[in-house]
Structure formats: C-alpha cells, structure tokens
Amino acid sequence: MRKTARRTNGESSNGRKIPRRQKDLRRFDLVEQANEIERIFQQAVDHELSIHKRLGNPVAAWRDGKVVIIPPEEIVLSSES
C-alpha cells in the first residue's frame, strides 16, 4: 500500500484548524557579523583550553594531516601570545 500526501485545507484529521506558520521577519547577515562570530568562537576555545591547561589534561589537535596530543604545558592560549 502506498502512502500519498493529503491536502488538509488548513484542518487536521480531527477537524481542528491548524495555524499557519508565520515567516520569521528577522534576518541575520552573517557576513556582517563574521568578525564578531569569530571572536566569540575564539573566546570559547581559549576558555576550554585554559580549563585543560589548569587541570593538567592534554588536548588532541590536527596538525599537518595527523592527530597530535599536546601536553598541558605546551598549550598556548591566544590571549597569552
């Protein structure tokens, strides 16, 4: 048996009206906000790296096409440089 799409004319199967979705009028221009987004991401990465460094945990990173383990004493935060 094949399922087919059924037109409901704005009503559900039990006869109740289904509200139409309203279009979101807010628009985001990610190009204009790119610098702010990058700054926030870098801040989040620095925060997490500082936690690893304080707790003495190594971090895995991707360098030259390979996964390398960075010991906590070699973790460099962008705020330190």
C-alpha atoms as a PDB file:
ATOM      1  CA  MET A   1       0.000   0.000   0.000  1.00  0.00           C
ATOM      2  CA  ARG A   2       1.361   3.411  -0.979  1.00  0.00           C
ATOM      3  CA  LYS A   3       1.240   6.453   1.229  1.00  0.00           C
ATOM      4  CA  THR A   4       0.223   9.640  -0.505  1.00  0.00           C
ATOM      5  CA  ALA A   5       0.266  13.217   0.663  1.00  0.00           C
ATOM      6  CA  ARG A   6      -3.158  14.500   1.532  1.00  0.00           C
ATOM      7  CA  ARG A   7      -4.278  18.091   1.315  1.00  0.00           C
ATOM      8  CA  THR A   8      -5.930  19.185   4.515  1.00  0.00           C
ATOM      9  CA  ASN A   9      -7.222  22.662   3.605  1.00  0.00           C
ATOM     10  CA  GLY A  10      -5.933  24.021   6.903  1.00  0.00           C
ATOM     11  CA  GLU A  11      -7.572  21.368   9.080  1.00  0.00           C
ATOM     12  CA  SER A  12      -6.123  18.442  10.974  1.00  0.00           C
ATOM     13  CA  SER A  13      -7.526  14.915  10.673  1.00  0.00           C
ATOM     14  CA  ASN A  14      -9.887  15.561  13.595  1.00  0.00           C
ATOM     15  CA  GLY A  15     -11.234  18.786  12.083  1.00  0.00           C
ATOM     16  CA  ARG A  16      -9.324  21.304  14.222  1.00  0.00           C
ATOM     17  CA  LYS A  17      -7.845  24.296  12.481  1.00  0.00           C
ATOM     18  CA  ILE A  18      -4.074  24.180  12.033  1.00  0.00           C
ATOM     19  CA  PRO A  19      -2.456  27.582  12.469  1.00  0.00           C
ATOM     20  CA  ARG A  20      -0.331  28.644   9.515  1.00  0.00           C
ATOM     21  CA  ARG A  21       3.344  29.159  10.174  1.00  0.00           C
ATOM     22  CA  GLN A  22       4.349  32.773  10.148  1.00  0.00           C
ATOM     23  CA  LYS A  23       7.529  33.695   8.359  1.00  0.00           C
ATOM     24  CA  ASP A  24      10.289  34.913  10.608  1.00  0.00           C
ATOM     25  CA  LEU A  25      10.834  38.524   9.663  1.00  0.00           C
ATOM     26  CA  ARG A  26      14.183  38.790  11.440  1.00  0.00           C
ATOM     27  CA  ARG A  27      17.112  38.392   9.078  1.00  0.00           C
ATOM     28  CA  PHE A  28      20.675  37.779  10.056  1.00  0.00           C
ATOM     29  CA  ASP A  29      23.525  38.941   7.889  1.00  0.00           C
ATOM     30  CA  LEU A  30      26.306  36.506   8.818  1.00  0.00           C
ATOM     31  CA  VAL A  31      28.815  38.265   6.567  1.00  0.00           C
ATOM     32  CA  GLU A  32      28.466  41.477   8.559  1.00  0.00           C
ATOM     33  CA  GLN A  33      28.710  39.552  11.829  1.00  0.00           C
ATOM     34  CA  ALA A  34      31.623  37.304  10.807  1.00  0.00           C
ATOM     35  CA  ASN A  35      34.239  39.107  12.907  1.00  0.00           C
ATOM     36  CA  GLU A  36      32.042  39.037  15.995  1.00  0.00           C
ATOM     37  CA  ILE A  37      31.240  35.345  15.479  1.00  0.00           C
ATOM     38  CA  GLU A  38      34.929  34.508  15.056  1.00  0.00           C
ATOM     39  CA  ARG A  39      35.820  36.466  18.206  1.00  0.00           C
ATOM     40  CA  ILE A  40      33.167  34.603  20.226  1.00  0.00           C
ATOM     41  CA  PHE A  41      34.349  31.205  18.938  1.00  0.00           C
ATOM     42  CA  GLN A  42      37.971  32.041  19.746  1.00  0.00           C
ATOM     43  CA  GLN A  43      36.947  33.147  23.233  1.00  0.00           C
ATOM     44  CA  ALA A  44      35.137  29.815  23.759  1.00  0.00           C
ATOM     45  CA  VAL A  45      38.153  27.819  22.514  1.00  0.00           C
ATOM     46  CA  ASP A  46      40.505  29.776  24.790  1.00  0.00           C
ATOM     47  CA  HIS A  47      38.196  29.135  27.725  1.00  0.00           C
ATOM     48  CA  GLU A  48      38.145  25.384  27.128  1.00  0.00           C
ATOM     49  CA  LEU A  49      41.901  25.226  26.525  1.00  0.00           C
ATOM     50  CA  SER A  50      42.544  27.134  29.760  1.00  0.00           C
ATOM     51  CA  ILE A  51      40.462  24.570  31.642  1.00  0.00           C
ATOM     52  CA  HIS A  52      42.503  21.709  30.132  1.00  0.00           C
ATOM     53  CA  LYS A  53      45.739  23.511  30.940  1.00  0.00           C
ATOM     54  CA  ARG A  54      44.746  24.238  34.582  1.00  0.00           C
ATOM     55  CA  LEU A  55      43.617  20.666  35.175  1.00  0.00           C
ATOM     56  CA  GLY A  56      46.746  19.233  33.538  1.00  0.00           C
ATOM     57  CA  ASN A  57      44.870  17.464  30.744  1.00  0.00           C
ATOM     58  CA  PRO A  58      46.356  17.096  27.254  1.00  0.00           C
ATOM     59  CA  VAL A  59      44.491  18.230  24.150  1.00  0.00           C
ATOM     60  CA  ALA A  60      44.156  16.434  20.820  1.00  0.00           C
ATOM     61  CA  ALA A  61      44.697  18.629  17.736  1.00  0.00           C
ATOM     62  CA  TRP A  62      45.009  18.219  13.980  1.00  0.00           C
ATOM     63  CA  ARG A  63      48.428  19.255  12.600  1.00  0.00           C
ATOM     64  CA  ASP A  64      49.930  18.509   9.198  1.00  0.00           C
ATOM     65  CA  GLY A  65      47.229  15.968   8.398  1.00  0.00           C
ATOM     66  CA  LYS A  66      47.724  14.000  11.621  1.00  0.00           C
ATOM     67  CA  VAL A  67      46.238  13.938  15.089  1.00  0.00           C
ATOM     68  CA  VAL A  68      48.740  15.030  17.730  1.00  0.00           C
ATOM     69  CA  ILE A  69      48.425  15.145  21.509  1.00  0.00           C
ATOM     70  CA  ILE A  70      49.501  18.455  23.033  1.00  0.00           C
ATOM     71  CA  PRO A  71      50.628  18.201  26.668  1.00  0.00           C
ATOM     72  CA  PRO A  72      49.123  20.816  29.021  1.00  0.00           C
ATOM     73  CA  GLU A  73      52.420  22.674  29.476  1.00  0.00           C
ATOM     74  CA  GLU A  74      52.595  23.282  25.694  1.00  0.00           C
ATOM     75  CA  ILE A  75      49.028  24.606  25.321  1.00  0.00           C
ATOM     76  CA  VAL A  76      49.224  28.208  24.140  1.00  0.00           C
ATOM     77  CA  LEU A  77      46.176  30.431  24.534  1.00  0.00           C
ATOM     78  CA  SER A  78      45.630  33.257  22.058  1.00  0.00           C
ATOM     79  CA  SER A  79      45.292  35.687  24.981  1.00  0.00           C
ATOM     80  CA  GLU A  80      48.834  34.722  26.100  1.00  0.00           C
ATOM     81  CA  SER A  81      50.510  35.434  22.755  1.00  0.00           C
END
